[in-house]
Amino acid sequence: MVPYEYYVVLSGLLMVLGLIGVIVRKNIIAMLLSTELMLNAVNIAFVAFDMKLADVSGQVFVFFILTIAAAEAAVGLGLIMAIYRLRKDVDVNTLTELKL
């Protein structure tokens, strides 16, 4: 059996990778994928600590986070499609103004 510390390290690396993706990327879709990566890192951490503590509450939180991530992806992609139809671009630098 793999020790839980490895899962925590993996979770931390995925969180840092997702954070770097959100900060560095200029494309909204890539930023959305990086956000999903960070949510999955949190899920791995919850499951790792659930293994350590022999409790089921971490898995319950994982189901809630997966539900929130699915809703975030659906709403985010809908907004991205609407912005692309209006502006013909999904670059973050061009979307700094609120007016059309």
PDB file of N, CA and C in Angstrom:
ATOM      1  N   MET A   1       0.835  -1.183   0.000  1.00  0.00           N
ATOM      2  CA  MET A   1       0.000   0.000   0.000  1.00  0.00           C
ATOM      3  C   MET A   1       0.885   1.253   0.000  1.00  0.00           C
ATOM      4  N   VAL A   2       0.490   2.221  -0.788  1.00  0.00           N
ATOM      5  CA  VAL A   2       1.255   3.459  -0.923  1.00  0.00           C
ATOM      6  C   VAL A   2       0.978   4.340   0.297  1.00  0.00           C
ATOM      7  N   PRO A   3       2.012   4.903   0.915  1.00  0.00           N
ATOM      8  CA  PRO A   3       1.794   5.777   2.078  1.00  0.00           C
ATOM      9  C   PRO A   3       1.028   7.042   1.684  1.00  0.00           C
ATOM     10  N   TYR A   4       0.301   7.574   2.633  1.00  0.00           N
ATOM     11  CA  TYR A   4      -0.532   8.736   2.334  1.00  0.00           C
ATOM     12  C   TYR A   4       0.301   9.984   2.061  1.00  0.00           C
ATOM     13  N   GLU A   5       1.535  10.010   2.538  1.00  0.00           N
ATOM     14  CA  GLU A   5       2.392  11.172   2.298  1.00  0.00           C
ATOM     15  C   GLU A   5       2.648  11.376   0.805  1.00  0.00           C
ATOM     16  N   TYR A   6       2.736  10.293   0.056  1.00  0.00           N
ATOM     17  CA  TYR A   6       2.942  10.410  -1.388  1.00  0.00           C
ATOM     18  C   TYR A   6       1.747  11.093  -2.044  1.00  0.00           C
ATOM     19  N   TYR A   7       0.544  10.744  -1.590  1.00  0.00           N
ATOM     20  CA  TYR A   7      -0.659  11.374  -2.129  1.00  0.00           C
ATOM     21  C   TYR A   7      -0.711  12.857  -1.777  1.00  0.00           C
ATOM     22  N   VAL A   8      -0.265  13.200  -0.588  1.00  0.00           N
ATOM     23  CA  VAL A   8      -0.251  14.610  -0.179  1.00  0.00           C
ATOM     24  C   VAL A   8       0.759  15.390  -1.022  1.00  0.00           C
ATOM     25  N   VAL A   9       1.912  14.800  -1.283  1.00  0.00           N
ATOM     26  CA  VAL A   9       2.905  15.451  -2.134  1.00  0.00           C
ATOM     27  C   VAL A   9       2.373  15.602  -3.554  1.00  0.00           C
ATOM     28  N   LEU A  10       1.743  14.570  -4.075  1.00  0.00           N
ATOM     29  CA  LEU A  10       1.134  14.646  -5.405  1.00  0.00           C
ATOM     30  C   LEU A  10       0.072  15.736  -5.444  1.00  0.00           C
ATOM     31  N   SER A  11      -0.730  15.823  -4.402  1.00  0.00           N
ATOM     32  CA  SER A  11      -1.756  16.852  -4.329  1.00  0.00           C
ATOM     33  C   SER A  11      -1.142  18.242  -4.315  1.00  0.00           C
ATOM     34  N   GLY A  12      -0.081  18.410  -3.562  1.00  0.00           N
ATOM     35  CA  GLY A  12       0.595  19.708  -3.523  1.00  0.00           C
ATOM     36  C   GLY A  12       1.187  20.089  -4.870  1.00  0.00           C
ATOM     37  N   LEU A  13       1.795  19.115  -5.541  1.00  0.00           N
ATOM     38  CA  LEU A  13       2.368  19.394  -6.861  1.00  0.00           C
ATOM     39  C   LEU A  13       1.290  19.768  -7.877  1.00  0.00           C
ATOM     40  N   LEU A  14       0.165  19.065  -7.834  1.00  0.00           N
ATOM     41  CA  LEU A  14      -0.931  19.404  -8.742  1.00  0.00           C
ATOM     42  C   LEU A  14      -1.515  20.783  -8.428  1.00  0.00           C
ATOM     43  N   MET A  15      -1.574  21.127  -7.144  1.00  0.00           N
ATOM     44  CA  MET A  15      -2.084  22.438  -6.766  1.00  0.00           C
ATOM     45  C   MET A  15      -1.161  23.541  -7.275  1.00  0.00           C
ATOM     46  N   VAL A  16       0.136  23.355  -7.115  1.00  0.00           N
ATOM     47  CA  VAL A  16       1.094  24.351  -7.599  1.00  0.00           C
ATOM     48  C   VAL A  16       1.057  24.442  -9.125  1.00  0.00           C
ATOM     49  N   LEU A  17       0.946  23.312  -9.793  1.00  0.00           N
ATOM     50  CA  LEU A  17       0.866  23.304 -11.245  1.00  0.00           C
ATOM     51  C   LEU A  17      -0.386  24.030 -11.729  1.00  0.00           C
ATOM     52  N   GLY A  18      -1.507  23.799 -11.060  1.00  0.00           N
ATOM     53  CA  GLY A  18      -2.733  24.496 -11.420  1.00  0.00           C
ATOM     54  C   GLY A  18      -2.655  25.984 -11.153  1.00  0.00           C
ATOM     55  N   LEU A  19      -2.029  26.355 -10.034  1.00  0.00           N
ATOM     56  CA  LEU A  19      -1.877  27.771  -9.713  1.00  0.00           C
ATOM     57  C   LEU A  19      -0.979  28.468 -10.726  1.00  0.00           C
ATOM     58  N   ILE A  20       0.092  27.813 -11.119  1.00  0.00           N
ATOM     59  CA  ILE A  20       0.961  28.382 -12.152  1.00  0.00           C
ATOM     60  C   ILE A  20       0.206  28.506 -13.466  1.00  0.00           C
ATOM     61  N   GLY A  21      -0.622  27.523 -13.780  1.00  0.00           N
ATOM     62  CA  GLY A  21      -1.420  27.590 -15.005  1.00  0.00           C
ATOM     63  C   GLY A  21      -2.397  28.744 -15.004  1.00  0.00           C
ATOM     64  N   VAL A  22      -3.005  29.041 -13.857  1.00  0.00           N
ATOM     65  CA  VAL A  22      -3.938  30.161 -13.777  1.00  0.00           C
ATOM     66  C   VAL A  22      -3.197  31.492 -13.895  1.00  0.00           C
ATOM     67  N   ILE A  23      -2.018  31.570 -13.286  1.00  0.00           N
ATOM     68  CA  ILE A  23      -1.277  32.830 -13.290  1.00  0.00           C
ATOM     69  C   ILE A  23      -0.629  33.097 -14.651  1.00  0.00           C
ATOM     70  N   VAL A  24      -0.067  32.071 -15.277  1.00  0.00           N
ATOM     71  CA  VAL A  24       0.730  32.271 -16.482  1.00  0.00           C
ATOM     72  C   VAL A  24      -0.118  32.309 -17.751  1.00  0.00           C
ATOM     73  N   ARG A  25      -1.123  31.483 -17.831  1.00  0.00           N
ATOM     74  CA  ARG A  25      -1.892  31.356 -19.069  1.00  0.00           C
ATOM     75  C   ARG A  25      -2.689  32.613 -19.363  1.00  0.00           C
ATOM     76  N   LYS A  26      -2.883  32.886 -20.646  1.00  0.00           N
ATOM     77  CA  LYS A  26      -3.680  34.023 -21.083  1.00  0.00           C
ATOM     78  C   LYS A  26      -4.998  33.593 -21.717  1.00  0.00           C
ATOM     79  N   ASN A  27      -5.159  32.315 -21.935  1.00  0.00           N
ATOM     80  CA  ASN A  27      -6.371  31.786 -22.541  1.00  0.00           C
ATOM     81  C   ASN A  27      -7.352  31.386 -21.443  1.00  0.00           C
ATOM     82  N   ILE A  28      -8.596  31.767 -21.598  1.00  0.00           N
ATOM     83  CA  ILE A  28      -9.588  31.492 -20.558  1.00  0.00           C
ATOM     84  C   ILE A  28      -9.821  29.988 -20.415  1.00  0.00           C
ATOM     85  N   ILE A  29      -9.802  29.260 -21.497  1.00  0.00           N
ATOM     86  CA  ILE A  29     -10.049  27.818 -21.428  1.00  0.00           C
ATOM     87  C   ILE A  29      -8.916  27.127 -20.668  1.00  0.00           C
ATOM     88  N   ALA A  30      -7.687  27.551 -20.908  1.00  0.00           N
ATOM     89  CA  ALA A  30      -6.552  26.975 -20.171  1.00  0.00           C
ATOM     90  C   ALA A  30      -6.640  27.328 -18.689  1.00  0.00           C
ATOM     91  N   MET A  31      -7.113  28.518 -18.381  1.00  0.00           N
ATOM     92  CA  MET A  31      -7.288  28.908 -16.979  1.00  0.00           C
ATOM     93  C   MET A  31      -8.382  28.073 -16.318  1.00  0.00           C
ATOM     94  N   LEU A  32      -9.444  27.784 -17.052  1.00  0.00           N
ATOM     95  CA  LEU A  32     -10.514  26.942 -16.528  1.00  0.00           C
ATOM     96  C   LEU A  32     -10.000  25.524 -16.269  1.00  0.00           C
ATOM     97  N   LEU A  33      -9.182  24.995 -17.160  1.00  0.00           N
ATOM     98  CA  LEU A  33      -8.607  23.670 -16.958  1.00  0.00           C
ATOM     99  C   LEU A  33      -7.653  23.656 -15.770  1.00  0.00           C
ATOM    100  N   SER A  34      -6.918  24.733 -15.576  1.00  0.00           N
ATOM    101  CA  SER A  34      -6.026  24.816 -14.416  1.00  0.00           C
ATOM    102  C   SER A  34      -6.816  24.873 -13.119  1.00  0.00           C
ATOM    103  N   THR A  35      -7.959  25.529 -13.141  1.00  0.00           N
ATOM    104  CA  THR A  35      -8.827  25.556 -11.961  1.00  0.00           C
ATOM    105  C   THR A  35      -9.357  24.162 -11.649  1.00  0.00           C
ATOM    106  N   GLU A  36      -9.713  23.419 -12.683  1.00  0.00           N
ATOM    107  CA  GLU A  36     -10.159  22.043 -12.487  1.00  0.00           C
ATOM    108  C   GLU A  36      -9.030  21.180 -11.915  1.00  0.00           C
ATOM    109  N   LEU A  37      -7.817  21.437 -12.347  1.00  0.00           N
ATOM    110  CA  LEU A  37      -6.661  20.707 -11.829  1.00  0.00           C
ATOM    111  C   LEU A  37      -6.469  20.987 -10.340  1.00  0.00           C
ATOM    112  N   MET A  38      -6.674  22.233  -9.939  1.00  0.00           N
ATOM    113  CA  MET A  38      -6.546  22.575  -8.523  1.00  0.00           C
ATOM    114  C   MET A  38      -7.652  21.919  -7.696  1.00  0.00           C
ATOM    115  N   LEU A  39      -8.868  21.853  -8.233  1.00  0.00           N
ATOM    116  CA  LEU A  39      -9.951  21.175  -7.510  1.00  0.00           C
ATOM    117  C   LEU A  39      -9.660  19.681  -7.368  1.00  0.00           C
ATOM    118  N   ASN A  40      -9.086  19.073  -8.390  1.00  0.00           N
ATOM    119  CA  ASN A  40      -8.724  17.661  -8.291  1.00  0.00           C
ATOM    120  C   ASN A  40      -7.586  17.442  -7.299  1.00  0.00           C
ATOM    121  N   ALA A  41      -6.689  18.417  -7.173  1.00  0.00           N
ATOM    122  CA  ALA A  41      -5.628  18.319  -6.168  1.00  0.00           C
ATOM    123  C   ALA A  41      -6.222  18.309  -4.767  1.00  0.00           C
ATOM    124  N   VAL A  42      -7.227  19.125  -4.555  1.00  0.00           N
ATOM    125  CA  VAL A  42      -7.901  19.138  -3.254  1.00  0.00           C
ATOM    126  C   VAL A  42      -8.596  17.801  -3.006  1.00  0.00           C
ATOM    127  N   ASN A  43      -9.186  17.230  -4.050  1.00  0.00           N
ATOM    128  CA  ASN A  43      -9.825  15.922  -3.901  1.00  0.00           C
ATOM    129  C   ASN A  43      -8.821  14.848  -3.495  1.00  0.00           C
ATOM    130  N   ILE A  44      -7.647  14.858  -4.102  1.00  0.00           N
ATOM    131  CA  ILE A  44      -6.622  13.878  -3.750  1.00  0.00           C
ATOM    132  C   ILE A  44      -6.188  14.062  -2.305  1.00  0.00           C
ATOM    133  N   ALA A  45      -6.066  15.318  -1.872  1.00  0.00           N
ATOM    134  CA  ALA A  45      -5.675  15.573  -0.479  1.00  0.00           C
ATOM    135  C   ALA A  45      -6.742  15.074   0.484  1.00  0.00           C
ATOM    136  N   PHE A  46      -8.012  15.302   0.168  1.00  0.00           N
ATOM    137  CA  PHE A  46      -9.082  14.816   1.034  1.00  0.00           C
ATOM    138  C   PHE A  46      -9.074  13.294   1.137  1.00  0.00           C
ATOM    139  N   VAL A  47      -8.872  12.624   0.018  1.00  0.00           N
ATOM    140  CA  VAL A  47      -8.852  11.157   0.037  1.00  0.00           C
ATOM    141  C   VAL A  47      -7.623  10.650   0.780  1.00  0.00           C
ATOM    142  N   ALA A  48      -6.494  11.341   0.650  1.00  0.00           N
ATOM    143  CA  ALA A  48      -5.278  10.920   1.354  1.00  0.00           C
ATOM    144  C   ALA A  48      -5.464  11.033   2.863  1.00  0.00           C
ATOM    145  N   PHE A  49      -6.003  12.145   3.316  1.00  0.00           N
ATOM    146  CA  PHE A  49      -6.219  12.288   4.753  1.00  0.00           C
ATOM    147  C   PHE A  49      -7.342  11.385   5.241  1.00  0.00           C
ATOM    148  N   ASP A  50      -8.276  11.064   4.347  1.00  0.00           N
ATOM    149  CA  ASP A  50      -9.312  10.092   4.690  1.00  0.00           C
ATOM    150  C   ASP A  50      -8.700   8.712   4.917  1.00  0.00           C
ATOM    151  N   MET A  51      -7.694   8.363   4.108  1.00  0.00           N
ATOM    152  CA  MET A  51      -6.984   7.100   4.314  1.00  0.00           C
ATOM    153  C   MET A  51      -6.261   7.103   5.658  1.00  0.00           C
ATOM    154  N   LYS A  52      -5.638   8.210   5.978  1.00  0.00           N
ATOM    155  CA  LYS A  52      -4.853   8.294   7.214  1.00  0.00           C
ATOM    156  C   LYS A  52      -5.749   8.215   8.450  1.00  0.00           C
ATOM    157  N   LEU A  53      -6.867   8.929   8.413  1.00  0.00           N
ATOM    158  CA  LEU A  53      -7.743   9.006   9.585  1.00  0.00           C
ATOM    159  C   LEU A  53      -8.789   7.895   9.642  1.00  0.00           C
ATOM    160  N   ALA A  54      -8.889   7.111   8.593  1.00  0.00           N
ATOM    161  CA  ALA A  54      -9.885   6.020   8.501  1.00  0.00           C
ATOM    162  C   ALA A  54     -11.293   6.551   8.748  1.00  0.00           C
ATOM    163  N   ASP A  55     -11.596   7.631   8.058  1.00  0.00           N
ATOM    164  CA  ASP A  55     -12.893   8.278   8.186  1.00  0.00           C
ATOM    165  C   ASP A  55     -13.484   8.443   6.782  1.00  0.00           C
ATOM    166  N   VAL A  56     -14.804   8.561   6.698  1.00  0.00           N
ATOM    167  CA  VAL A  56     -15.456   8.650   5.404  1.00  0.00           C
ATOM    168  C   VAL A  56     -15.802  10.094   5.037  1.00  0.00           C
ATOM    169  N   SER A  57     -15.599  11.013   5.943  1.00  0.00           N
ATOM    170  CA  SER A  57     -16.020  12.395   5.690  1.00  0.00           C
ATOM    171  C   SER A  57     -15.231  13.034   4.544  1.00  0.00           C
ATOM    172  N   GLY A  58     -13.992  12.634   4.326  1.00  0.00           N
ATOM    173  CA  GLY A  58     -13.217  13.161   3.205  1.00  0.00           C
ATOM    174  C   GLY A  58     -13.816  12.780   1.869  1.00  0.00           C
ATOM    175  N   GLN A  59     -14.347  11.571   1.781  1.00  0.00           N
ATOM    176  CA  GLN A  59     -14.972  11.133   0.538  1.00  0.00           C
ATOM    177  C   GLN A  59     -16.273  11.864   0.279  1.00  0.00           C
ATOM    178  N   VAL A  60     -16.976  12.239   1.325  1.00  0.00           N
ATOM    179  CA  VAL A  60     -18.206  13.025   1.168  1.00  0.00           C
ATOM    180  C   VAL A  60     -17.866  14.395   0.591  1.00  0.00           C
ATOM    181  N   PHE A  61     -16.807  15.011   1.105  1.00  0.00           N
ATOM    182  CA  PHE A  61     -16.374  16.293   0.569  1.00  0.00           C
ATOM    183  C   PHE A  61     -15.946  16.173  -0.890  1.00  0.00           C
ATOM    184  N   VAL A  62     -15.348  15.056  -1.245  1.00  0.00           N
ATOM    185  CA  VAL A  62     -14.928  14.847  -2.631  1.00  0.00           C
ATOM    186  C   VAL A  62     -16.138  14.839  -3.553  1.00  0.00           C
ATOM    187  N   PHE A  63     -17.214  14.212  -3.157  1.00  0.00           N
ATOM    188  CA  PHE A  63     -18.415  14.210  -3.997  1.00  0.00           C
ATOM    189  C   PHE A  63     -18.991  15.608  -4.148  1.00  0.00           C
ATOM    190  N   PHE A  64     -18.974  16.394  -3.094  1.00  0.00           N
ATOM    191  CA  PHE A  64     -19.444  17.774  -3.189  1.00  0.00           C
ATOM    192  C   PHE A  64     -18.548  18.593  -4.114  1.00  0.00           C
ATOM    193  N   ILE A  65     -17.243  18.418  -4.004  1.00  0.00           N
ATOM    194  CA  ILE A  65     -16.320  19.168  -4.847  1.00  0.00           C
ATOM    195  C   ILE A  65     -16.470  18.758  -6.309  1.00  0.00           C
ATOM    196  N   LEU A  66     -16.684  17.473  -6.572  1.00  0.00           N
ATOM    197  CA  LEU A  66     -16.897  17.030  -7.950  1.00  0.00           C
ATOM    198  C   LEU A  66     -18.168  17.639  -8.533  1.00  0.00           C
ATOM    199  N   THR A  67     -19.197  17.754  -7.712  1.00  0.00           N
ATOM    200  CA  THR A  67     -20.441  18.380  -8.166  1.00  0.00           C
ATOM    201  C   THR A  67     -20.215  19.857  -8.477  1.00  0.00           C
ATOM    202  N   ILE A  68     -19.517  20.532  -7.605  1.00  0.00           N
ATOM    203  CA  ILE A  68     -19.223  21.948  -7.829  1.00  0.00           C
ATOM    204  C   ILE A  68     -18.338  22.123  -9.059  1.00  0.00           C
ATOM    205  N   ALA A  69     -17.376  21.237  -9.259  1.00  0.00           N
ATOM    206  CA  ALA A  69     -16.492  21.329 -10.426  1.00  0.00           C
ATOM    207  C   ALA A  69     -17.258  21.115 -11.721  1.00  0.00           C
ATOM    208  N   ALA A  70     -18.213  20.203 -11.714  1.00  0.00           N
ATOM    209  CA  ALA A  70     -19.012  19.971 -12.918  1.00  0.00           C
ATOM    210  C   ALA A  70     -19.879  21.190 -13.229  1.00  0.00           C
ATOM    211  N   ALA A  71     -20.470  21.778 -12.207  1.00  0.00           N
ATOM    212  CA  ALA A  71     -21.276  22.974 -12.421  1.00  0.00           C
ATOM    213  C   ALA A  71     -20.405  24.142 -12.885  1.00  0.00           C
ATOM    214  N   GLU A  72     -19.223  24.265 -12.304  1.00  0.00           N
ATOM    215  CA  GLU A  72     -18.302  25.332 -12.691  1.00  0.00           C
ATOM    216  C   GLU A  72     -17.859  25.168 -14.136  1.00  0.00           C
ATOM    217  N   ALA A  73     -17.618  23.954 -14.549  1.00  0.00           N
ATOM    218  CA  ALA A  73     -17.205  23.717 -15.929  1.00  0.00           C
ATOM    219  C   ALA A  73     -18.342  24.040 -16.898  1.00  0.00           C
ATOM    220  N   ALA A  74     -19.553  23.654 -16.557  1.00  0.00           N
ATOM    221  CA  ALA A  74     -20.686  23.920 -17.445  1.00  0.00           C
ATOM    222  C   ALA A  74     -20.955  25.417 -17.562  1.00  0.00           C
ATOM    223  N   VAL A  75     -20.985  26.111 -16.447  1.00  0.00           N
ATOM    224  CA  VAL A  75     -21.242  27.555 -16.475  1.00  0.00           C
ATOM    225  C   VAL A  75     -20.067  28.288 -17.108  1.00  0.00           C
ATOM    226  N   GLY A  76     -18.851  27.881 -16.765  1.00  0.00           N
ATOM    227  CA  GLY A  76     -17.669  28.527 -17.338  1.00  0.00           C
ATOM    228  C   GLY A  76     -17.586  28.377 -18.843  1.00  0.00           C
ATOM    229  N   LEU A  77     -17.830  27.184 -19.341  1.00  0.00           N
ATOM    230  CA  LEU A  77     -17.786  26.992 -20.789  1.00  0.00           C
ATOM    231  C   LEU A  77     -18.912  27.737 -21.486  1.00  0.00           C
ATOM    232  N   GLY A  78     -20.076  27.827 -20.856  1.00  0.00           N
ATOM    233  CA  GLY A  78     -21.169  28.616 -21.423  1.00  0.00           C
ATOM    234  C   GLY A  78     -20.803  30.088 -21.516  1.00  0.00           C
ATOM    235  N   LEU A  79     -20.180  30.608 -20.469  1.00  0.00           N
ATOM    236  CA  LEU A  79     -19.750  32.008 -20.496  1.00  0.00           C
ATOM    237  C   LEU A  79     -18.644  32.231 -21.535  1.00  0.00           C
ATOM    238  N   ILE A  80     -17.735  31.292 -21.640  1.00  0.00           N
ATOM    239  CA  ILE A  80     -16.660  31.423 -22.622  1.00  0.00           C
ATOM    240  C   ILE A  80     -17.225  31.418 -24.034  1.00  0.00           C
ATOM    241  N   MET A  81     -18.207  30.566 -24.291  1.00  0.00           N
ATOM    242  CA  MET A  81     -18.822  30.541 -25.622  1.00  0.00           C
ATOM    243  C   MET A  81     -19.553  31.848 -25.918  1.00  0.00           C
ATOM    244  N   ALA A  82     -20.227  32.403 -24.914  1.00  0.00           N
ATOM    245  CA  ALA A  82     -20.922  33.676 -25.119  1.00  0.00           C
ATOM    246  C   ALA A  82     -19.932  34.810 -25.371  1.00  0.00           C
ATOM    247  N   ILE A  83     -18.835  34.825 -24.637  1.00  0.00           N
ATOM    248  CA  ILE A  83     -17.806  35.858 -24.845  1.00  0.00           C
ATOM    249  C   ILE A  83     -17.177  35.699 -26.223  1.00  0.00           C
ATOM    250  N   TYR A  84     -16.934  34.471 -26.646  1.00  0.00           N
ATOM    251  CA  TYR A  84     -16.327  34.254 -27.964  1.00  0.00           C
ATOM    252  C   TYR A  84     -17.264  34.711 -29.079  1.00  0.00           C
ATOM    253  N   ARG A  85     -18.559  34.492 -28.912  1.00  0.00           N
ATOM    254  CA  ARG A  85     -19.509  34.938 -29.937  1.00  0.00           C
ATOM    255  C   ARG A  85     -19.547  36.462 -30.040  1.00  0.00           C
ATOM    256  N   LEU A  86     -19.367  37.148 -28.916  1.00  0.00           N
ATOM    257  CA  LEU A  86     -19.386  38.608 -28.944  1.00  0.00           C
ATOM    258  C   LEU A  86     -18.067  39.197 -29.422  1.00  0.00           C
ATOM    259  N   ARG A  87     -16.957  38.691 -28.923  1.00  0.00           N
ATOM    260  CA  ARG A  87     -15.652  39.312 -29.158  1.00  0.00           C
ATOM    261  C   ARG A  87     -14.790  38.588 -30.190  1.00  0.00           C
ATOM    262  N   LYS A  88     -15.103  37.357 -30.508  1.00  0.00           N
ATOM    263  CA  LYS A  88     -14.300  36.521 -31.415  1.00  0.00           C
ATOM    264  C   LYS A  88     -12.885  36.289 -30.887  1.00  0.00           C
ATOM    265  N   ASP A  89     -12.732  36.336 -29.567  1.00  0.00           N
ATOM    266  CA  ASP A  89     -11.429  36.129 -28.950  1.00  0.00           C
ATOM    267  C   ASP A  89     -11.651  35.747 -27.486  1.00  0.00           C
ATOM    268  N   VAL A  90     -10.828  34.856 -26.968  1.00  0.00           N
ATOM    269  CA  VAL A  90     -10.926  34.479 -25.555  1.00  0.00           C
ATOM    270  C   VAL A  90      -9.624  34.760 -24.824  1.00  0.00           C
ATOM    271  N   ASP A  91      -8.876  35.752 -25.307  1.00  0.00           N
ATOM    272  CA  ASP A  91      -7.637  36.146 -24.656  1.00  0.00           C
ATOM    273  C   ASP A  91      -7.966  37.032 -23.465  1.00  0.00           C
ATOM    274  N   VAL A  92      -7.309  36.790 -22.341  1.00  0.00           N
ATOM    275  CA  VAL A  92      -7.607  37.516 -21.112  1.00  0.00           C
ATOM    276  C   VAL A  92      -7.225  38.986 -21.235  1.00  0.00           C
ATOM    277  N   ASN A  93      -6.171  39.291 -21.937  1.00  0.00           N
ATOM    278  CA  ASN A  93      -5.722  40.668 -22.053  1.00  0.00           C
ATOM    279  C   ASN A  93      -6.722  41.548 -22.805  1.00  0.00           C
ATOM    280  N   THR A  94      -7.468  40.972 -23.724  1.00  0.00           N
ATOM    281  CA  THR A  94      -8.454  41.749 -24.474  1.00  0.00           C
ATOM    282  C   THR A  94      -9.785  41.837 -23.738  1.00  0.00           C
ATOM    283  N   LEU A  95      -9.954  41.080 -22.694  1.00  0.00           N
ATOM    284  CA  LEU A  95     -11.238  41.070 -21.971  1.00  0.00           C
ATOM    285  C   LEU A  95     -11.152  41.838 -20.659  1.00  0.00           C
ATOM    286  N   THR A  96     -10.338  42.871 -20.600  1.00  0.00           N
ATOM    287  CA  THR A  96     -10.189  43.605 -19.354  1.00  0.00           C
ATOM    288  C   THR A  96     -11.268  44.657 -19.156  1.00  0.00           C
ATOM    289  N   GLU A  97     -11.964  45.033 -20.194  1.00  0.00           N
ATOM    290  CA  GLU A  97     -13.028  46.026 -20.078  1.00  0.00           C
ATOM    291  C   GLU A  97     -14.372  45.329 -19.968  1.00  0.00           C
ATOM    292  N   LEU A  98     -15.316  45.979 -19.286  1.00  0.00           N
ATOM    293  CA  LEU A  98     -16.642  45.398 -19.123  1.00  0.00           C
ATOM    294  C   LEU A  98     -17.578  45.747 -20.275  1.00  0.00           C
ATOM    295  N   LYS A  99     -17.246  46.781 -21.037  1.00  0.00           N
ATOM    296  CA  LYS A  99     -18.137  47.153 -22.133  1.00  0.00           C
ATOM    297  C   LYS A  99     -17.847  46.319 -23.367  1.00  0.00           C
ATOM    298  N   LEU A 100     -18.811  46.243 -24.249  1.00  0.00           N
ATOM    299  CA  LEU A 100     -18.691  45.452 -25.453  1.00  0.00           C
ATOM    300  C   LEU A 100     -17.898  46.215 -26.475  1.00  0.00           C
TER     301      LEU A 100
END
